[in-house]
Amino acid sequence: MPVAPLLRNFLILLGIIYLFSILISVIMPVVVMVVLVGLIAVWLNITLGRRKRNIGRTWYMRPGRGGQRYW
């Protein structure tokens, strides 16, 4: 019967699509979160740096090694 190989190919295709959907549903939220956090950090840097001159740089510079010139 010629129906069986078609059915098998269809099932394989469905399995591949299912696996891809799982991968996308796992990876995409992580990517979106990372991008959002990066954008928020950059935006905070810009706004804080504009309001008070060097605060945008100080919050990740520690006073001590090379960070003293910003404080």
N, C-alpha and C. Protein backbone atom coordinates (compact mmCIF):
# COMPACT_ATOMS: atom_id res chain seq x y z
N MET A 1 0.85 -1.21 0.00
CA MET A 1 0.00 0.00 0.00
C MET A 1 0.89 1.26 0.00
N PRO A 2 0.57 2.24 -0.82
CA PRO A 2 1.39 3.46 -0.86
C PRO A 2 1.07 4.45 0.24
N VAL A 3 0.14 4.11 1.11
CA VAL A 3 -0.26 5.06 2.16
C VAL A 3 0.74 5.05 3.31
N ALA A 4 1.34 3.89 3.59
CA ALA A 4 2.19 3.76 4.77
C ALA A 4 3.42 4.68 4.73
N PRO A 5 4.21 4.71 3.64
CA PRO A 5 5.38 5.61 3.66
C PRO A 5 4.99 7.07 3.77
N LEU A 6 3.88 7.46 3.14
CA LEU A 6 3.41 8.84 3.28
C LEU A 6 3.09 9.15 4.73
N LEU A 7 2.41 8.22 5.36
CA LEU A 7 2.05 8.42 6.77
C LEU A 7 3.31 8.54 7.63
N ARG A 8 4.30 7.67 7.33
CA ARG A 8 5.53 7.69 8.11
C ARG A 8 6.26 9.03 7.94
N ASN A 9 6.35 9.50 6.70
CA ASN A 9 7.00 10.79 6.46
C ASN A 9 6.25 11.91 7.17
N PHE A 10 4.93 11.84 7.14
CA PHE A 10 4.12 12.85 7.81
C PHE A 10 4.39 12.86 9.31
N LEU A 11 4.47 11.65 9.90
CA LEU A 11 4.75 11.56 11.34
C LEU A 11 6.14 12.09 11.66
N ILE A 12 7.12 11.78 10.81
CA ILE A 12 8.48 12.29 11.04
C ILE A 12 8.48 13.81 10.98
N LEU A 13 7.77 14.36 9.99
CA LEU A 13 7.68 15.81 9.85
C LEU A 13 7.03 16.43 11.09
N LEU A 14 5.94 15.79 11.56
CA LEU A 14 5.28 16.29 12.77
C LEU A 14 6.22 16.26 13.97
N GLY A 15 6.99 15.17 14.10
CA GLY A 15 7.94 15.09 15.21
C GLY A 15 8.98 16.19 15.15
N ILE A 16 9.49 16.46 13.94
CA ILE A 16 10.50 17.52 13.80
C ILE A 16 9.90 18.87 14.16
N ILE A 17 8.68 19.13 13.68
CA ILE A 17 8.02 20.41 13.98
C ILE A 17 7.79 20.54 15.48
N TYR A 18 7.38 19.42 16.12
CA TYR A 18 7.14 19.42 17.56
C TYR A 18 8.42 19.73 18.32
N LEU A 19 9.53 19.09 17.93
CA LEU A 19 10.80 19.35 18.59
C LEU A 19 11.21 20.81 18.42
N PHE A 20 11.04 21.34 17.21
CA PHE A 20 11.40 22.74 16.98
C PHE A 20 10.54 23.67 17.82
N SER A 21 9.26 23.35 17.95
CA SER A 21 8.38 24.22 18.75
C SER A 21 8.80 24.20 20.21
N ILE A 22 9.21 23.02 20.71
CA ILE A 22 9.68 22.95 22.09
C ILE A 22 10.94 23.79 22.26
N LEU A 23 11.88 23.63 21.31
CA LEU A 23 13.13 24.41 21.39
C LEU A 23 12.84 25.90 21.37
N ILE A 24 11.95 26.31 20.46
CA ILE A 24 11.63 27.74 20.35
C ILE A 24 10.98 28.23 21.64
N SER A 25 10.07 27.43 22.18
CA SER A 25 9.36 27.88 23.39
C SER A 25 10.29 27.92 24.59
N VAL A 26 11.39 27.16 24.57
CA VAL A 26 12.33 27.20 25.68
C VAL A 26 13.34 28.33 25.48
N ILE A 27 13.83 28.49 24.23
CA ILE A 27 14.95 29.42 24.01
C ILE A 27 14.47 30.87 23.88
N MET A 28 13.34 31.06 23.20
CA MET A 28 12.92 32.43 22.89
C MET A 28 12.68 33.29 24.14
N PRO A 29 11.98 32.80 25.18
CA PRO A 29 11.82 33.66 26.37
C PRO A 29 13.15 34.06 26.99
N VAL A 30 14.12 33.14 26.97
CA VAL A 30 15.43 33.48 27.53
C VAL A 30 16.07 34.61 26.72
N VAL A 31 16.01 34.48 25.39
CA VAL A 31 16.60 35.52 24.52
C VAL A 31 15.89 36.85 24.76
N VAL A 32 14.56 36.82 24.82
CA VAL A 32 13.80 38.05 25.03
C VAL A 32 14.16 38.68 26.37
N MET A 33 14.28 37.85 27.42
CA MET A 33 14.63 38.39 28.73
C MET A 33 16.02 39.04 28.71
N VAL A 34 16.98 38.37 28.09
CA VAL A 34 18.33 38.92 28.04
C VAL A 34 18.34 40.25 27.30
N VAL A 35 17.63 40.30 26.17
CA VAL A 35 17.59 41.54 25.39
C VAL A 35 16.92 42.64 26.19
N LEU A 36 15.81 42.32 26.86
CA LEU A 36 15.10 43.33 27.65
C LEU A 36 15.97 43.85 28.79
N VAL A 37 16.63 42.94 29.50
CA VAL A 37 17.48 43.37 30.61
C VAL A 37 18.61 44.25 30.11
N GLY A 38 19.21 43.87 28.97
CA GLY A 38 20.28 44.69 28.40
C GLY A 38 19.79 46.07 28.02
N LEU A 39 18.61 46.13 27.38
CA LEU A 39 18.07 47.43 26.98
C LEU A 39 17.76 48.28 28.20
N ILE A 40 17.18 47.68 29.24
CA ILE A 40 16.86 48.44 30.45
C ILE A 40 18.14 48.97 31.10
N ALA A 41 19.19 48.12 31.14
CA ALA A 41 20.45 48.56 31.74
C ALA A 41 21.04 49.72 30.95
N VAL A 42 21.02 49.63 29.62
CA VAL A 42 21.56 50.72 28.80
C VAL A 42 20.74 51.98 28.99
N TRP A 43 19.41 51.84 29.04
CA TRP A 43 18.55 53.00 29.21
C TRP A 43 18.78 53.66 30.56
N LEU A 44 18.91 52.84 31.61
CA LEU A 44 19.20 53.39 32.94
C LEU A 44 20.55 54.11 32.93
N ASN A 45 21.53 53.49 32.28
CA ASN A 45 22.84 54.12 32.17
C ASN A 45 22.73 55.49 31.54
N ILE A 46 22.00 55.57 30.43
CA ILE A 46 21.90 56.84 29.70
C ILE A 46 21.15 57.88 30.53
N THR A 47 19.99 57.49 31.10
CA THR A 47 19.19 58.48 31.83
C THR A 47 19.91 58.93 33.09
N LEU A 48 20.46 57.98 33.85
CA LEU A 48 21.15 58.37 35.08
C LEU A 48 22.40 59.18 34.75
N GLY A 49 23.10 58.77 33.70
CA GLY A 49 24.30 59.51 33.32
C GLY A 49 23.99 60.92 32.86
N ARG A 50 22.81 61.10 32.28
CA ARG A 50 22.45 62.44 31.83
C ARG A 50 22.04 63.30 33.02
N ARG A 51 21.35 62.67 34.01
CA ARG A 51 20.85 63.45 35.12
C ARG A 51 21.98 63.88 36.05
N LYS A 52 22.75 62.90 36.55
CA LYS A 52 23.91 63.23 37.38
C LYS A 52 25.11 62.67 36.65
N ARG A 53 26.17 63.45 36.54
CA ARG A 53 27.10 63.21 35.44
C ARG A 53 27.65 61.81 35.33
N ASN A 54 28.12 61.21 36.41
CA ASN A 54 28.83 59.95 36.24
C ASN A 54 28.17 58.76 36.93
N ILE A 55 26.93 58.93 37.41
CA ILE A 55 26.31 57.84 38.14
C ILE A 55 26.15 56.61 37.24
N GLY A 56 25.88 56.83 35.97
CA GLY A 56 25.72 55.71 35.07
C GLY A 56 26.96 54.83 35.03
N ARG A 57 28.11 55.43 35.27
CA ARG A 57 29.33 54.65 35.25
C ARG A 57 29.68 54.11 36.63
N THR A 58 29.24 54.76 37.69
CA THR A 58 29.73 54.38 39.02
C THR A 58 29.09 53.10 39.51
N TRP A 59 27.87 52.76 39.04
CA TRP A 59 27.20 51.65 39.74
C TRP A 59 27.85 50.31 39.45
N TYR A 60 28.71 50.24 38.42
CA TYR A 60 29.44 48.99 38.28
C TYR A 60 30.95 49.18 38.43
N MET A 61 31.38 50.40 38.71
CA MET A 61 32.80 50.62 38.98
C MET A 61 32.99 50.59 40.50
N ARG A 62 33.92 49.79 40.96
CA ARG A 62 34.19 49.76 42.40
C ARG A 62 35.24 50.82 42.73
N PRO A 63 35.07 51.52 43.84
CA PRO A 63 36.15 52.41 44.25
C PRO A 63 37.34 51.57 44.66
N GLY A 64 38.51 51.91 44.16
CA GLY A 64 39.66 51.10 44.52
C GLY A 64 40.60 50.94 43.35
N ARG A 65 40.33 49.92 42.53
CA ARG A 65 41.32 49.58 41.51
C ARG A 65 41.43 50.67 40.44
N GLY A 66 40.47 50.71 39.51
CA GLY A 66 40.56 51.75 38.49
C GLY A 66 39.37 52.69 38.60
N GLY A 67 38.50 52.42 39.54
CA GLY A 67 37.24 53.12 39.58
C GLY A 67 37.27 54.42 40.34
N GLN A 68 38.40 54.74 40.96
CA GLN A 68 38.42 55.91 41.83
C GLN A 68 38.20 57.20 41.07
N ARG A 69 38.67 57.26 39.84
CA ARG A 69 38.55 58.54 39.14
C ARG A 69 37.11 58.89 38.84
N TYR A 70 36.19 57.90 38.89
CA TYR A 70 34.78 58.22 38.63
C TYR A 70 34.05 58.66 39.88
N TRP A 71 34.61 58.38 41.06
CA TRP A 71 33.94 58.76 42.30
C TRP A 71 34.51 60.07 42.79
